[in-house]
N, C-alpha and C. Protein backbone atom coordinates (compact mmCIF):
# COMPACT_ATOMS: atom_id res chain seq x y z
N UNK A 1 10.69 53.28 -19.77
CA UNK A 1 11.54 54.20 -19.05
C UNK A 1 12.84 53.73 -18.53
N UNK A 2 13.80 54.36 -18.76
CA UNK A 2 15.08 54.02 -18.77
C UNK A 2 15.50 54.40 -17.31
N UNK A 3 16.04 53.50 -16.74
CA UNK A 3 16.46 53.66 -15.41
C UNK A 3 18.21 54.14 -15.36
N UNK A 4 18.38 54.95 -14.54
CA UNK A 4 19.77 55.35 -14.52
C UNK A 4 20.58 54.50 -13.84
N UNK A 5 21.93 54.62 -14.19
CA UNK A 5 22.88 53.93 -13.60
C UNK A 5 23.26 54.21 -12.20
N UNK A 6 23.79 53.33 -11.67
CA UNK A 6 24.24 53.66 -10.22
C UNK A 6 26.05 53.39 -9.83
N UNK A 7 26.63 54.40 -9.57
CA UNK A 7 27.91 54.34 -9.40
C UNK A 7 27.94 54.58 -7.89
N UNK A 8 28.81 53.67 -7.22
CA UNK A 8 28.87 53.52 -5.77
C UNK A 8 30.14 52.90 -5.63
N UNK A 9 30.76 52.90 -4.29
CA UNK A 9 31.67 52.27 -3.82
C UNK A 9 31.56 51.00 -3.05
N UNK A 10 32.20 49.97 -3.47
CA UNK A 10 31.94 48.53 -3.13
C UNK A 10 32.13 48.58 -1.32
N UNK A 11 31.31 48.09 -0.78
CA UNK A 11 31.18 47.79 0.81
C UNK A 11 31.77 46.66 1.01
N UNK A 12 32.30 46.65 2.12
CA UNK A 12 32.92 45.20 3.05
C UNK A 12 31.78 44.25 3.09
N UNK A 13 32.41 43.15 2.62
CA UNK A 13 31.53 41.81 3.28
C UNK A 13 31.15 41.71 4.47
N UNK A 14 29.90 41.29 4.97
CA UNK A 14 29.56 41.38 6.14
C UNK A 14 30.26 40.47 7.09
N UNK A 15 30.66 39.25 6.34
CA UNK A 15 31.44 38.28 7.37
C UNK A 15 32.88 37.87 7.25
N UNK A 16 33.64 39.42 6.63
CA UNK A 16 35.29 39.40 6.84
C UNK A 16 35.36 40.80 7.10
N UNK A 17 36.42 40.77 7.79
CA UNK A 17 37.06 41.90 8.41
C UNK A 17 37.90 42.76 7.36
N UNK A 18 38.29 42.23 6.27
CA UNK A 18 39.36 42.83 5.28
C UNK A 18 38.75 43.99 4.59
N UNK A 19 39.62 44.93 4.19
CA UNK A 19 39.17 46.14 3.50
C UNK A 19 39.71 46.25 1.78
N UNK A 20 39.93 44.89 1.37
CA UNK A 20 40.47 44.85 0.25
C UNK A 20 39.66 45.33 -1.09
N UNK A 21 38.36 44.92 -1.16
CA UNK A 21 37.57 45.25 -2.32
C UNK A 21 36.82 46.61 -1.94
N UNK A 22 37.00 47.11 -0.95
CA UNK A 22 36.34 48.41 -0.65
C UNK A 22 36.99 49.66 -1.48
N UNK A 23 38.01 49.55 -2.20
CA UNK A 23 38.89 50.63 -2.83
C UNK A 23 38.23 50.59 -4.32
N UNK A 24 37.38 49.69 -4.68
CA UNK A 24 36.64 49.81 -6.00
C UNK A 24 35.46 50.35 -6.03
N UNK A 25 35.18 51.26 -7.32
CA UNK A 25 33.96 51.80 -7.73
C UNK A 25 33.33 50.97 -8.77
N UNK A 26 32.10 50.70 -8.43
CA UNK A 26 31.08 49.90 -9.39
C UNK A 26 30.00 50.68 -9.97
N UNK A 27 29.95 50.35 -11.06
CA UNK A 27 28.88 51.13 -12.05
C UNK A 27 27.68 49.81 -12.22
N UNK A 28 26.32 50.12 -11.78
CA UNK A 28 25.48 49.21 -11.94
C UNK A 28 24.35 49.96 -12.99
N UNK A 29 24.00 48.97 -14.10
CA UNK A 29 22.91 49.72 -14.77
C UNK A 29 21.56 49.49 -14.13
N UNK A 30 20.53 50.12 -14.59
CA UNK A 30 19.36 50.11 -14.02
C UNK A 30 18.54 49.25 -14.69
N UNK A 31 17.40 48.84 -14.13
CA UNK A 31 16.47 47.61 -14.92
C UNK A 31 15.75 48.55 -15.88
N UNK A 32 15.64 47.99 -17.01
CA UNK A 32 14.97 48.82 -18.16
C UNK A 32 13.70 48.21 -18.56
N UNK A 33 13.84 46.84 -18.55
CA UNK A 33 12.73 45.62 -19.00
C UNK A 33 12.24 44.92 -17.57
N UNK A 34 10.89 44.95 -17.72
CA UNK A 34 10.23 43.79 -16.72
C UNK A 34 10.91 42.53 -16.52
N UNK A 35 10.98 41.72 -15.41
CA UNK A 35 11.24 40.60 -15.21
C UNK A 35 10.18 39.68 -15.72
N UNK A 36 10.18 38.12 -16.00
CA UNK A 36 9.33 37.42 -16.41
C UNK A 36 9.54 36.04 -15.55
N UNK A 37 8.40 35.42 -15.63
CA UNK A 37 8.67 34.14 -14.81
C UNK A 37 8.37 33.06 -15.92
N UNK A 38 9.43 32.21 -15.97
CA UNK A 38 9.45 30.99 -16.91
C UNK A 38 8.19 30.00 -16.38
N UNK A 39 7.23 29.62 -17.23
CA UNK A 39 6.10 28.84 -16.88
C UNK A 39 6.67 27.53 -16.66
N UNK A 40 7.54 27.10 -17.47
CA UNK A 40 7.90 25.76 -17.10
C UNK A 40 8.85 25.45 -15.90
N UNK A 41 9.88 26.15 -15.84
CA UNK A 41 10.79 25.88 -14.85
C UNK A 41 10.68 26.70 -13.54
N UNK A 42 9.89 27.88 -13.48
CA UNK A 42 9.65 28.83 -12.51
C UNK A 42 10.70 29.72 -12.26
N UNK A 43 11.72 29.55 -13.17
CA UNK A 43 12.72 30.80 -13.04
C UNK A 43 12.55 32.30 -13.51
N UNK A 44 12.93 33.18 -12.73
CA UNK A 44 12.79 34.34 -13.14
C UNK A 44 13.97 34.86 -14.26
N UNK A 45 13.35 35.50 -15.27
CA UNK A 45 14.34 35.83 -16.21
C UNK A 45 14.10 37.42 -16.74
N UNK A 46 15.00 37.50 -17.83
CA UNK A 46 14.79 39.17 -18.42
C UNK A 46 15.64 39.09 -19.49
N UNK A 47 15.13 39.91 -20.47
CA UNK A 47 15.83 40.16 -21.54
C UNK A 47 16.77 41.35 -21.53
N UNK A 48 16.91 41.71 -20.39
CA UNK A 48 17.83 43.08 -20.15
C UNK A 48 19.21 42.56 -19.89
N UNK A 49 19.89 42.40 -20.78
CA UNK A 49 21.37 42.20 -20.40
C UNK A 49 22.14 43.04 -19.38
N UNK A 50 21.98 44.50 -19.83
CA UNK A 50 22.94 45.36 -19.03
C UNK A 50 22.32 45.45 -17.69
N UNK A 51 21.22 45.03 -17.37
CA UNK A 51 21.00 45.28 -15.77
C UNK A 51 21.85 43.84 -15.05
N UNK A 52 22.10 43.03 -15.81
CA UNK A 52 22.93 41.95 -15.23
C UNK A 52 24.50 42.11 -14.89
N UNK A 53 24.76 43.33 -15.53
CA UNK A 53 26.37 43.76 -15.57
C UNK A 53 26.71 44.51 -14.37
N UNK A 54 28.11 44.66 -13.91
CA UNK A 54 28.65 45.38 -12.71
C UNK A 54 30.13 45.62 -13.44
N UNK A 55 30.33 46.70 -13.70
CA UNK A 55 31.58 47.04 -14.11
C UNK A 55 32.39 47.86 -12.83
N UNK A 56 33.52 47.09 -12.79
CA UNK A 56 34.41 47.79 -11.53
C UNK A 56 35.48 48.88 -12.16
N UNK A 57 35.73 49.86 -11.50
CA UNK A 57 36.72 51.20 -11.94
C UNK A 57 37.15 50.96 -10.48
N UNK A 58 38.79 51.82 -10.67
CA UNK A 58 39.91 51.81 -9.76
C UNK A 58 39.41 53.14 -8.94
N UNK A 59 38.59 53.94 -9.52
CA UNK A 59 38.36 55.41 -8.74
C UNK A 59 37.14 55.93 -9.37
N UNK A 60 36.44 56.93 -8.68
CA UNK A 60 35.09 57.48 -9.20
C UNK A 60 35.15 58.29 -10.26
N UNK A 61 36.38 59.03 -10.68
CA UNK A 61 36.29 59.52 -11.64
C UNK A 61 36.48 59.05 -13.11
N UNK A 62 36.88 57.72 -13.15
CA UNK A 62 37.11 56.85 -14.32
C UNK A 62 35.70 56.07 -14.50
N UNK A 63 35.01 55.80 -13.19
CA UNK A 63 33.45 55.44 -13.49
C UNK A 63 32.72 56.52 -14.09
N UNK A 64 32.87 57.63 -13.64
CA UNK A 64 32.05 58.83 -14.36
C UNK A 64 32.60 59.23 -15.76
N UNK A 65 33.67 59.14 -16.22
CA UNK A 65 34.29 59.28 -17.41
C UNK A 65 33.85 58.34 -18.32
N UNK A 66 33.47 56.69 -17.82
CA UNK A 66 32.93 55.91 -18.86
C UNK A 66 31.54 56.01 -18.97
N UNK A 67 31.00 56.42 -17.98
CA UNK A 67 29.38 56.83 -18.28
C UNK A 67 29.14 58.10 -19.18
N UNK A 68 29.89 58.99 -18.95
CA UNK A 68 29.52 60.21 -19.82
C UNK A 68 29.98 59.87 -21.23
N UNK A 69 31.06 59.08 -21.67
CA UNK A 69 31.39 58.78 -22.88
C UNK A 69 30.41 57.82 -23.64
N UNK A 70 29.95 57.04 -22.68
CA UNK A 70 28.62 56.04 -23.42
C UNK A 70 27.48 56.50 -23.14
N UNK A 71 27.17 57.66 -22.81
CA UNK A 71 25.94 58.50 -22.69
C UNK A 71 25.03 57.84 -21.74
N UNK A 72 25.44 57.34 -20.62
CA UNK A 72 24.66 56.78 -19.77
C UNK A 72 24.35 57.72 -18.57
N UNK A 73 23.19 57.98 -18.15
CA UNK A 73 22.59 58.60 -17.27
C UNK A 73 23.03 58.11 -15.82
N UNK A 74 23.57 58.59 -14.83
CA UNK A 74 24.05 57.90 -13.72
C UNK A 74 23.69 59.02 -12.36
N UNK A 75 23.43 58.17 -11.25
CA UNK A 75 23.52 58.97 -10.03
C UNK A 75 24.80 58.25 -9.23
N UNK A 76 25.50 59.16 -8.49
CA UNK A 76 26.72 58.73 -7.47
C UNK A 76 26.03 58.76 -6.00
N UNK A 77 26.56 57.53 -5.45
CA UNK A 77 26.26 57.48 -3.88
C UNK A 77 27.55 57.56 -3.22
N UNK A 78 27.74 58.74 -2.68
CA UNK A 78 28.99 58.66 -1.87
C UNK A 78 29.14 57.99 -0.80
N UNK A 79 29.82 57.06 -0.05
CA UNK A 79 29.79 56.49 0.97
C UNK A 79 29.88 57.28 2.34
N UNK A 80 29.49 56.81 3.30
CA UNK A 80 29.59 57.57 4.66
C UNK A 80 30.88 57.53 5.09
N UNK A 81 31.53 58.36 5.85
CA UNK A 81 32.84 57.97 6.53
C UNK A 81 32.69 57.18 7.53
N UNK A 82 33.79 56.25 7.77
CA UNK A 82 33.51 55.44 8.89
C UNK A 82 34.56 56.19 10.09
N UNK A 83 34.02 55.67 11.26
CA UNK A 83 34.51 56.21 12.42
C UNK A 83 35.21 55.24 12.99
N UNK A 84 36.30 55.06 13.06
CA UNK A 84 37.22 54.09 13.69
C UNK A 84 37.87 54.40 15.22
N UNK A 85 37.49 53.95 15.93
CA UNK A 85 38.35 53.99 17.42
C UNK A 85 39.31 53.00 17.55
N UNK A 86 40.71 53.49 17.59
CA UNK A 86 41.49 52.41 18.09
C UNK A 86 41.23 51.72 19.47
N UNK A 87 41.34 50.39 19.44
CA UNK A 87 41.32 49.38 20.43
C UNK A 87 42.48 48.68 20.99
N UNK A 88 42.64 48.49 22.12
CA UNK A 88 43.86 47.68 22.31
C UNK A 88 43.29 46.50 23.61
N UNK A 89 44.11 45.27 23.66
CA UNK A 89 43.72 44.29 24.10
C UNK A 89 43.74 44.70 25.87
N UNK A 90 44.89 45.52 26.08
CA UNK A 90 45.29 46.06 27.16
C UNK A 90 44.27 47.01 27.89
N UNK A 91 43.19 47.33 27.28
CA UNK A 91 42.32 48.22 27.87
C UNK A 91 41.33 47.24 28.61
N UNK A 92 41.15 45.86 28.42
CA UNK A 92 40.33 44.85 29.13
C UNK A 92 40.99 45.02 30.72
N UNK A 93 42.14 45.12 30.63
CA UNK A 93 42.70 44.80 32.22
C UNK A 93 43.14 46.44 33.05
N UNK A 94 42.45 47.41 32.48
CA UNK A 94 42.82 48.42 33.11
C UNK A 94 42.12 48.86 34.38
N UNK A 95 42.61 49.73 35.23
CA UNK A 95 42.33 49.82 36.61
C UNK A 95 40.91 50.70 36.80
N UNK A 96 40.83 51.57 35.79
CA UNK A 96 39.67 52.53 35.70
C UNK A 96 38.50 51.92 34.67
N UNK A 97 38.62 50.79 34.51
CA UNK A 97 37.51 50.22 33.72
C UNK A 97 36.21 50.40 34.21
N UNK A 98 35.17 50.69 33.60
CA UNK A 98 33.68 51.03 33.75
C UNK A 98 33.06 49.78 34.16
N UNK A 99 33.07 48.69 33.35
CA UNK A 99 32.16 47.51 33.38
C UNK A 99 32.82 46.60 34.29
N UNK A 100 32.18 45.97 34.86
CA UNK A 100 32.73 44.78 35.83
C UNK A 100 33.41 43.98 35.24
N UNK A 101 34.53 43.29 35.75
CA UNK A 101 35.35 42.19 35.35
C UNK A 101 34.49 41.11 35.25
N UNK A 102 34.28 40.33 34.16
CA UNK A 102 33.46 39.08 34.11
C UNK A 102 34.06 37.58 34.21
N UNK A 103 35.25 37.70 34.28
CA UNK A 103 36.05 36.35 34.02
C UNK A 103 36.21 35.84 35.61
């Protein structure tokens, strides 16, 4: 059974606040062959090289174009929109602040 490739937008690393890598789109191949455990070393391996690849593209359309020209079946994962609320340090000292002052 052939797995479908997955096209998605790279997410932000959890430990960092930067948005630099979130603008690229990634094509991940699915796993087509089962993994096996090496009896001597105990490592998990596979003979399925495409499942180890991640191709990066500048936009969604170029990732789709690559997949269609190579004949790769794919699923697209559209990211959920982020809701950002602007914050200011001065809001900590507002007179109509709801929480109690803790300092």
